[in-house]
Amino acid sequence: SLFLILIIFLRMPQENIGLSSFANKSDIFGSPSSTQRT
């Protein structure tokens, strides 16, 4: 359950203003398309 909540937060849209600094954290995994697919 906790893991699914974390994954959902990682998948938040990048244009979200309130969490913009958190949403850009997914760039550390690689290219955005491979990150999204993974």
All heavy atoms as atom14 arrays in JSON, in Angstrom:
{
  "sequence": "SLFLILIIFLRMPQENIGLSSFANKSDIFGSPSSTQRT",
  "atom14_mask": [
    [1, 1, 1, 1, 1, 1, 0, 0, 0, 0, 0, 0, 0, 0],
    [1, 1, 1, 1, 1, 1, 1, 1, 0, 0, 0, 0, 0, 0],
    [1, 1, 1, 1, 1, 1, 1, 1, 1, 1, 1, 0, 0, 0],
    [1, 1, 1, 1, 1, 1, 1, 1, 0, 0, 0, 0, 0, 0],
    [1, 1, 1, 1, 1, 1, 1, 1, 0, 0, 0, 0, 0, 0],
    [1, 1, 1, 1, 1, 1, 1, 1, 0, 0, 0, 0, 0, 0],
    [1, 1, 1, 1, 1, 1, 1, 1, 0, 0, 0, 0, 0, 0],
    [1, 1, 1, 1, 1, 1, 1, 1, 0, 0, 0, 0, 0, 0],
    [1, 1, 1, 1, 1, 1, 1, 1, 1, 1, 1, 0, 0, 0],
    [1, 1, 1, 1, 1, 1, 1, 1, 0, 0, 0, 0, 0, 0],
    [1, 1, 1, 1, 1, 1, 1, 1, 1, 1, 1, 0, 0, 0],
    [1, 1, 1, 1, 1, 1, 1, 1, 0, 0, 0, 0, 0, 0],
    [1, 1, 1, 1, 1, 1, 1, 0, 0, 0, 0, 0, 0, 0],
    [1, 1, 1, 1, 1, 1, 1, 1, 1, 0, 0, 0, 0, 0],
    [1, 1, 1, 1, 1, 1, 1, 1, 1, 0, 0, 0, 0, 0],
    [1, 1, 1, 1, 1, 1, 1, 1, 0, 0, 0, 0, 0, 0],
    [1, 1, 1, 1, 1, 1, 1, 1, 0, 0, 0, 0, 0, 0],
    [1, 1, 1, 1, 0, 0, 0, 0, 0, 0, 0, 0, 0, 0],
    [1, 1, 1, 1, 1, 1, 1, 1, 0, 0, 0, 0, 0, 0],
    [1, 1, 1, 1, 1, 1, 0, 0, 0, 0, 0, 0, 0, 0],
    [1, 1, 1, 1, 1, 1, 0, 0, 0, 0, 0, 0, 0, 0],
    [1, 1, 1, 1, 1, 1, 1, 1, 1, 1, 1, 0, 0, 0],
    [1, 1, 1, 1, 1, 0, 0, 0, 0, 0, 0, 0, 0, 0],
    [1, 1, 1, 1, 1, 1, 1, 1, 0, 0, 0, 0, 0, 0],
    [1, 1, 1, 1, 1, 1, 1, 1, 1, 0, 0, 0, 0, 0],
    [1, 1, 1, 1, 1, 1, 0, 0, 0, 0, 0, 0, 0, 0],
    [1, 1, 1, 1, 1, 1, 1, 1, 0, 0, 0, 0, 0, 0],
    [1, 1, 1, 1, 1, 1, 1, 1, 0, 0, 0, 0, 0, 0],
    [1, 1, 1, 1, 1, 1, 1, 1, 1, 1, 1, 0, 0, 0],
    [1, 1, 1, 1, 0, 0, 0, 0, 0, 0, 0, 0, 0, 0],
    [1, 1, 1, 1, 1, 1, 0, 0, 0, 0, 0, 0, 0, 0],
    [1, 1, 1, 1, 1, 1, 1, 0, 0, 0, 0, 0, 0, 0],
    [1, 1, 1, 1, 1, 1, 0, 0, 0, 0, 0, 0, 0, 0],
    [1, 1, 1, 1, 1, 1, 0, 0, 0, 0, 0, 0, 0, 0],
    [1, 1, 1, 1, 1, 1, 1, 0, 0, 0, 0, 0, 0, 0],
    [1, 1, 1, 1, 1, 1, 1, 1, 1, 0, 0, 0, 0, 0],
    [1, 1, 1, 1, 1, 1, 1, 1, 1, 1, 1, 0, 0, 0],
    [1, 1, 1, 1, 1, 1, 1, 0, 0, 0, 0, 0, 0, 0]
  ],
  "atom14_positions": [
    [[0.83, -1.21, 0.0], [0.0, 0.0, 0.0], [0.87, 1.25, 0.0], [0.63, 2.19, -0.77], [-0.91, 0.02, 1.23], [-1.76, -1.06, 1.24], [0.0, 0.0, 0.0], [0.0, 0.0, 0.0], [0.0, 0.0, 0.0], [0.0, 0.0, 0.0], [0.0, 0.0, 0.0], [0.0, 0.0, 0.0], [0.0, 0.0, 0.0], [0.0, 0.0, 0.0]],
    [[1.87, 1.28, 0.85], [2.77, 2.43, 0.9], [3.55, 2.58, -0.4], [3.75, 3.69, -0.9], [3.73, 2.29, 2.08], [3.1, 2.33, 3.47], [4.16, 2.11, 4.54], [2.38, 3.65, 3.69], [0.0, 0.0, 0.0], [0.0, 0.0, 0.0], [0.0, 0.0, 0.0], [0.0, 0.0, 0.0], [0.0, 0.0, 0.0], [0.0, 0.0, 0.0]],
    [[3.96, 1.46, -0.98], [4.69, 1.49, -2.23], [3.83, 2.05, -3.36], [4.3, 2.86, -4.17], [5.18, 0.08, -2.57], [5.95, 0.0, -3.84], [7.21, 0.55, -3.94], [5.41, -0.63, -4.95], [7.93, 0.48, -5.11], [6.11, -0.7, -6.13], [7.38, -0.14, -6.21], [0.0, 0.0, 0.0], [0.0, 0.0, 0.0], [0.0, 0.0, 0.0]],
    [[2.57, 1.66, -3.4], [1.66, 2.18, -4.44], [1.44, 3.68, -4.28], [1.37, 4.41, -5.27], [0.34, 1.43, -4.41], [0.36, 0.06, -5.06], [-0.93, -0.68, -4.77], [0.58, 0.18, -6.55], [0.0, 0.0, 0.0], [0.0, 0.0, 0.0], [0.0, 0.0, 0.0], [0.0, 0.0, 0.0], [0.0, 0.0, 0.0], [0.0, 0.0, 0.0]],
    [[1.33, 4.14, -3.05], [1.18, 5.58, -2.83], [2.42, 6.32, -3.34], [2.31, 7.36, -3.99], [0.93, 5.86, -1.34], [-0.45, 5.34, -0.95], [1.06, 7.35, -1.02], [-0.71, 5.35, 0.54], [0.0, 0.0, 0.0], [0.0, 0.0, 0.0], [0.0, 0.0, 0.0], [0.0, 0.0, 0.0], [0.0, 0.0, 0.0], [0.0, 0.0, 0.0]],
    [[3.6, 5.8, -3.06], [4.84, 6.42, -3.54], [4.89, 6.44, -5.06], [5.23, 7.46, -5.66], [6.05, 5.65, -2.98], [7.41, 6.12, -3.48], [7.73, 7.49, -2.93], [8.48, 5.12, -3.11], [0.0, 0.0, 0.0], [0.0, 0.0, 0.0], [0.0, 0.0, 0.0], [0.0, 0.0, 0.0], [0.0, 0.0, 0.0], [0.0, 0.0, 0.0]],
    [[4.52, 5.36, -5.69], [4.55, 5.29, -7.17], [3.57, 6.29, -7.76], [3.86, 6.93, -8.76], [4.2, 3.86, -7.63], [5.31, 2.94, -7.26], [3.9, 3.81, -9.09], [6.04, 2.29, -8.37], [0.0, 0.0, 0.0], [0.0, 0.0, 0.0], [0.0, 0.0, 0.0], [0.0, 0.0, 0.0], [0.0, 0.0, 0.0], [0.0, 0.0, 0.0]],
    [[2.41, 6.44, -7.14], [1.44, 7.4, -7.66], [1.98, 8.81, -7.56], [1.81, 9.62, -8.47], [0.09, 7.24, -6.91], [-0.57, 5.93, -7.33], [-0.83, 8.43, -7.17], [-1.75, 5.53, -6.5], [0.0, 0.0, 0.0], [0.0, 0.0, 0.0], [0.0, 0.0, 0.0], [0.0, 0.0, 0.0], [0.0, 0.0, 0.0], [0.0, 0.0, 0.0]],
    [[2.68, 9.13, -6.49], [3.28, 10.45, -6.37], [4.39, 10.66, -7.4], [4.58, 11.77, -7.89], [3.82, 10.71, -4.97], [2.78, 11.16, -4.0], [2.59, 10.48, -2.81], [1.98, 12.25, -4.28], [1.62, 10.89, -1.91], [1.0, 12.67, -3.38], [0.82, 11.99, -2.2], [0.0, 0.0, 0.0], [0.0, 0.0, 0.0], [0.0, 0.0, 0.0]],
    [[5.13, 9.62, -7.73], [6.17, 9.75, -8.75], [5.59, 9.98, -10.13], [6.23, 10.57, -11.0], [7.06, 8.51, -8.78], [8.07, 8.38, -7.65], [8.78, 7.04, -7.76], [9.07, 9.52, -7.69], [0.0, 0.0, 0.0], [0.0, 0.0, 0.0], [0.0, 0.0, 0.0], [0.0, 0.0, 0.0], [0.0, 0.0, 0.0], [0.0, 0.0, 0.0]],
    [[4.37, 9.53, -10.35], [3.73, 9.66, -11.66], [2.93, 10.95, -11.8], [2.23, 11.13, -12.78], [2.8, 8.47, -11.9], [3.57, 7.19, -12.01], [2.64, 6.1, -12.32], [1.84, 6.48, -13.47], [1.11, 5.68, -14.18], [1.03, 4.45, -13.84], [0.43, 6.1, -15.2], [0.0, 0.0, 0.0], [0.0, 0.0, 0.0], [0.0, 0.0, 0.0]],
    [[3.01, 11.85, -10.84], [2.26, 13.1, -10.91], [2.69, 13.89, -12.14], [3.85, 13.86, -12.54], [2.49, 13.94, -9.65], [2.06, 13.2, -8.44], [1.07, 13.99, -7.23], [0.27, 15.32, -7.93], [0.0, 0.0, 0.0], [0.0, 0.0, 0.0], [0.0, 0.0, 0.0], [0.0, 0.0, 0.0], [0.0, 0.0, 0.0], [0.0, 0.0, 0.0]],
    [[1.77, 14.63, -12.76], [2.13, 15.4, -13.95], [3.18, 16.45, -13.66], [3.2, 17.03, -12.58], [0.82, 16.07, -14.37], [-0.21, 15.65, -13.42], [0.4, 14.76, -12.4], [0.0, 0.0, 0.0], [0.0, 0.0, 0.0], [0.0, 0.0, 0.0], [0.0, 0.0, 0.0], [0.0, 0.0, 0.0], [0.0, 0.0, 0.0], [0.0, 0.0, 0.0]],
    [[4.05, 16.68, -14.62], [5.15, 17.62, -14.43], [4.69, 19.06, -14.37], [5.36, 19.9, -13.82], [6.16, 17.46, -15.55], [6.72, 16.07, -15.62], [8.21, 16.06, -15.48], [8.84, 17.07, -15.62], [8.76, 14.9, -15.22], [0.0, 0.0, 0.0], [0.0, 0.0, 0.0], [0.0, 0.0, 0.0], [0.0, 0.0, 0.0], [0.0, 0.0, 0.0]],
    [[3.52, 19.38, -14.93], [3.05, 20.76, -14.93], [2.29, 21.11, -13.65], [1.74, 22.19, -13.55], [2.18, 21.04, -16.15], [0.96, 20.17, -16.27], [1.23, 18.89, -17.03], [2.33, 18.69, -17.55], [0.32, 18.06, -17.1], [0.0, 0.0, 0.0], [0.0, 0.0, 0.0], [0.0, 0.0, 0.0], [0.0, 0.0, 0.0], [0.0, 0.0, 0.0]],
    [[2.26, 20.23, -12.68], [1.61, 20.51, -11.41], [2.43, 21.56, -10.66], [3.57, 21.33, -10.3], [1.49, 19.23, -10.59], [0.59, 19.39, -9.4], [0.28, 20.5, -9.0], [0.18, 18.27, -8.85], [0.0, 0.0, 0.0], [0.0, 0.0, 0.0], [0.0, 0.0, 0.0], [0.0, 0.0, 0.0], [0.0, 0.0, 0.0], [0.0, 0.0, 0.0]],
    [[1.83, 22.71, -10.39], [2.55, 23.83, -9.8], [2.87, 23.57, -8.33], [3.96, 23.86, -7.86], [1.73, 25.13, -9.96], [1.59, 25.46, -11.43], [2.39, 26.28, -9.21], [0.61, 26.57, -11.73], [0.0, 0.0, 0.0], [0.0, 0.0, 0.0], [0.0, 0.0, 0.0], [0.0, 0.0, 0.0], [0.0, 0.0, 0.0], [0.0, 0.0, 0.0]],
    [[1.94, 23.03, -7.59], [2.12, 22.82, -6.16], [3.24, 21.87, -5.81], [3.91, 22.02, -4.8], [0.0, 0.0, 0.0], [0.0, 0.0, 0.0], [0.0, 0.0, 0.0], [0.0, 0.0, 0.0], [0.0, 0.0, 0.0], [0.0, 0.0, 0.0], [0.0, 0.0, 0.0], [0.0, 0.0, 0.0], [0.0, 0.0, 0.0], [0.0, 0.0, 0.0]],
    [[3.49, 20.89, -6.63], [4.53, 19.89, -6.37], [5.59, 19.89, -7.46], [6.17, 18.86, -7.77], [3.91, 18.5, -6.24], [2.93, 18.29, -5.1], [2.26, 16.95, -5.22], [3.64, 18.4, -3.78], [0.0, 0.0, 0.0], [0.0, 0.0, 0.0], [0.0, 0.0, 0.0], [0.0, 0.0, 0.0], [0.0, 0.0, 0.0], [0.0, 0.0, 0.0]],
    [[5.88, 21.03, -8.02], [6.77, 21.07, -9.18], [8.17, 20.58, -8.84], [8.81, 19.91, -9.64], [6.84, 22.49, -9.75], [7.35, 23.38, -8.78], [0.0, 0.0, 0.0], [0.0, 0.0, 0.0], [0.0, 0.0, 0.0], [0.0, 0.0, 0.0], [0.0, 0.0, 0.0], [0.0, 0.0, 0.0], [0.0, 0.0, 0.0], [0.0, 0.0, 0.0]],
    [[8.67, 20.88, -7.66], [10.01, 20.4, -7.32], [10.01, 18.9, -7.1], [10.97, 18.22, -7.42], [10.53, 21.11, -6.08], [9.73, 20.82, -4.97], [0.0, 0.0, 0.0], [0.0, 0.0, 0.0], [0.0, 0.0, 0.0], [0.0, 0.0, 0.0], [0.0, 0.0, 0.0], [0.0, 0.0, 0.0], [0.0, 0.0, 0.0], [0.0, 0.0, 0.0]],
    [[8.9, 18.35, -6.57], [8.83, 16.91, -6.36], [8.58, 16.18, -7.67], [9.12, 15.09, -7.88], [7.7, 16.6, -5.37], [7.59, 15.14, -5.03], [8.54, 14.53, -4.25], [6.55, 14.37, -5.53], [8.46, 13.2, -3.94], [6.46, 13.04, -5.22], [7.41, 12.45, -4.42], [0.0, 0.0, 0.0], [0.0, 0.0, 0.0], [0.0, 0.0, 0.0]],
    [[7.81, 16.76, -8.57], [7.48, 16.09, -9.83], [8.7, 15.94, -10.72], [8.79, 15.01, -11.5], [6.39, 16.88, -10.56], [0.0, 0.0, 0.0], [0.0, 0.0, 0.0], [0.0, 0.0, 0.0], [0.0, 0.0, 0.0], [0.0, 0.0, 0.0], [0.0, 0.0, 0.0], [0.0, 0.0, 0.0], [0.0, 0.0, 0.0], [0.0, 0.0, 0.0]],
    [[9.66, 16.83, -10.61], [10.86, 16.74, -11.44], [11.85, 15.72, -10.92], [12.86, 15.47, -11.56], [11.53, 18.11, -11.54], [10.72, 19.09, -12.37], [9.99, 18.67, -13.26], [10.82, 20.35, -12.05], [0.0, 0.0, 0.0], [0.0, 0.0, 0.0], [0.0, 0.0, 0.0], [0.0, 0.0, 0.0], [0.0, 0.0, 0.0], [0.0, 0.0, 0.0]],
    [[11.59, 15.11, -9.79], [12.48, 14.1, -9.24], [12.53, 12.85, -10.11], [13.47, 12.1, -10.05], [12.05, 13.71, -7.83], [12.1, 14.84, -6.85], [13.45, 15.0, -6.29], [13.38, 16.07, -5.21], [14.6, 16.63, -4.85], [0.0, 0.0, 0.0], [0.0, 0.0, 0.0], [0.0, 0.0, 0.0], [0.0, 0.0, 0.0], [0.0, 0.0, 0.0]],
    [[11.51, 12.63, -10.95], [11.5, 11.42, -11.78], [12.56, 11.48, -12.87], [12.86, 10.48, -13.49], [10.13, 11.2, -12.39], [9.82, 12.24, -13.27], [0.0, 0.0, 0.0], [0.0, 0.0, 0.0], [0.0, 0.0, 0.0], [0.0, 0.0, 0.0], [0.0, 0.0, 0.0], [0.0, 0.0, 0.0], [0.0, 0.0, 0.0], [0.0, 0.0, 0.0]],
    [[13.16, 12.66, -13.09], [14.21, 12.77, -14.09], [15.48, 12.04, -13.67], [16.34, 11.77, -14.51], [14.54, 14.24, -14.36], [13.4, 14.95, -15.06], [12.56, 14.26, -15.66], [13.35, 16.2, -14.98], [0.0, 0.0, 0.0], [0.0, 0.0, 0.0], [0.0, 0.0, 0.0], [0.0, 0.0, 0.0], [0.0, 0.0, 0.0], [0.0, 0.0, 0.0]],
    [[15.62, 11.72, -12.39], [16.82, 11.04, -11.94], [16.87, 9.6, -12.42], [17.92, 8.98, -12.41], [16.96, 11.08, -10.4], [15.81, 10.34, -9.74], [17.06, 12.5, -9.9], [15.98, 10.17, -8.24], [0.0, 0.0, 0.0], [0.0, 0.0, 0.0], [0.0, 0.0, 0.0], [0.0, 0.0, 0.0], [0.0, 0.0, 0.0], [0.0, 0.0, 0.0]],
    [[15.74, 9.04, -12.86], [15.69, 7.65, -13.31], [16.13, 7.48, -14.76], [16.28, 6.37, -15.22], [14.28, 7.09, -13.15], [13.84, 7.02, -11.72], [12.7, 7.68, -11.32], [14.55, 6.3, -10.79], [12.28, 7.62, -10.01], [14.14, 6.23, -9.49], [13.01, 6.89, -9.09], [0.0, 0.0, 0.0], [0.0, 0.0, 0.0], [0.0, 0.0, 0.0]],
    [[16.29, 8.53, -15.5], [16.66, 8.43, -16.9], [15.77, 9.29, -17.75], [15.23, 10.28, -17.29], [0.0, 0.0, 0.0], [0.0, 0.0, 0.0], [0.0, 0.0, 0.0], [0.0, 0.0, 0.0], [0.0, 0.0, 0.0], [0.0, 0.0, 0.0], [0.0, 0.0, 0.0], [0.0, 0.0, 0.0], [0.0, 0.0, 0.0], [0.0, 0.0, 0.0]],
    [[15.61, 8.91, -19.01], [14.76, 9.7, -19.9], [13.31, 9.59, -19.45], [12.89, 8.57, -18.92], [14.92, 9.22, -21.33], [14.35, 7.95, -21.48], [0.0, 0.0, 0.0], [0.0, 0.0, 0.0], [0.0, 0.0, 0.0], [0.0, 0.0, 0.0], [0.0, 0.0, 0.0], [0.0, 0.0, 0.0], [0.0, 0.0, 0.0], [0.0, 0.0, 0.0]],
    [[12.53, 10.64, -19.69], [11.13, 10.62, -19.23], [10.3, 9.48, -19.82], [9.46, 8.92, -19.14], [10.59, 11.97, -19.69], [11.78, 12.85, -19.83], [12.91, 11.93, -20.22], [0.0, 0.0, 0.0], [0.0, 0.0, 0.0], [0.0, 0.0, 0.0], [0.0, 0.0, 0.0], [0.0, 0.0, 0.0], [0.0, 0.0, 0.0], [0.0, 0.0, 0.0]],
    [[10.54, 9.13, -21.08], [9.73, 8.05, -21.67], [10.05, 6.7, -21.05], [9.15, 5.91, -20.79], [9.93, 8.01, -23.19], [11.27, 7.7, -23.5], [0.0, 0.0, 0.0], [0.0, 0.0, 0.0], [0.0, 0.0, 0.0], [0.0, 0.0, 0.0], [0.0, 0.0, 0.0], [0.0, 0.0, 0.0], [0.0, 0.0, 0.0], [0.0, 0.0, 0.0]],
    [[11.32, 6.42, -20.81], [11.67, 5.14, -20.18], [11.24, 5.11, -18.72], [10.83, 4.07, -18.22], [13.17, 4.87, -20.3], [13.91, 5.78, -19.53], [0.0, 0.0, 0.0], [0.0, 0.0, 0.0], [0.0, 0.0, 0.0], [0.0, 0.0, 0.0], [0.0, 0.0, 0.0], [0.0, 0.0, 0.0], [0.0, 0.0, 0.0], [0.0, 0.0, 0.0]],
    [[11.29, 6.26, -18.07], [10.82, 6.33, -16.69], [9.33, 6.06, -16.62], [8.86, 5.29, -15.78], [11.11, 7.73, -16.1], [12.51, 7.97, -16.16], [10.64, 7.83, -14.67], [0.0, 0.0, 0.0], [0.0, 0.0, 0.0], [0.0, 0.0, 0.0], [0.0, 0.0, 0.0], [0.0, 0.0, 0.0], [0.0, 0.0, 0.0], [0.0, 0.0, 0.0]],
    [[8.58, 6.67, -17.52], [7.12, 6.48, -17.54], [6.77, 5.03, -17.84], [5.88, 4.45, -17.22], [6.49, 7.42, -18.57], [5.0, 7.46, -18.51], [4.5, 8.11, -17.23], [5.17, 8.92, -16.63], [3.32, 7.72, -16.8], [0.0, 0.0, 0.0], [0.0, 0.0, 0.0], [0.0, 0.0, 0.0], [0.0, 0.0, 0.0], [0.0, 0.0, 0.0]],
    [[7.47, 4.42, -18.78], [7.2, 3.03, -19.14], [7.52, 2.11, -17.96], [6.74, 1.19, -17.66], [8.04, 2.66, -20.36], [7.71, 1.32, -20.95], [8.41, 1.06, -22.28], [9.82, 1.42, -22.29], [10.34, 2.41, -23.02], [9.58, 3.14, -23.8], [11.63, 2.67, -22.99], [0.0, 0.0, 0.0], [0.0, 0.0, 0.0], [0.0, 0.0, 0.0]],
    [[8.63, 2.35, -17.27], [9.01, 1.54, -16.13], [8.0, 1.7, -14.99], [7.59, 0.72, -14.37], [10.41, 1.92, -15.63], [11.34, 1.77, -16.7], [10.84, 1.05, -14.47], [0.0, 0.0, 0.0], [0.0, 0.0, 0.0], [0.0, 0.0, 0.0], [0.0, 0.0, 0.0], [0.0, 0.0, 0.0], [0.0, 0.0, 0.0], [0.0, 0.0, 0.0]]
  ]
}
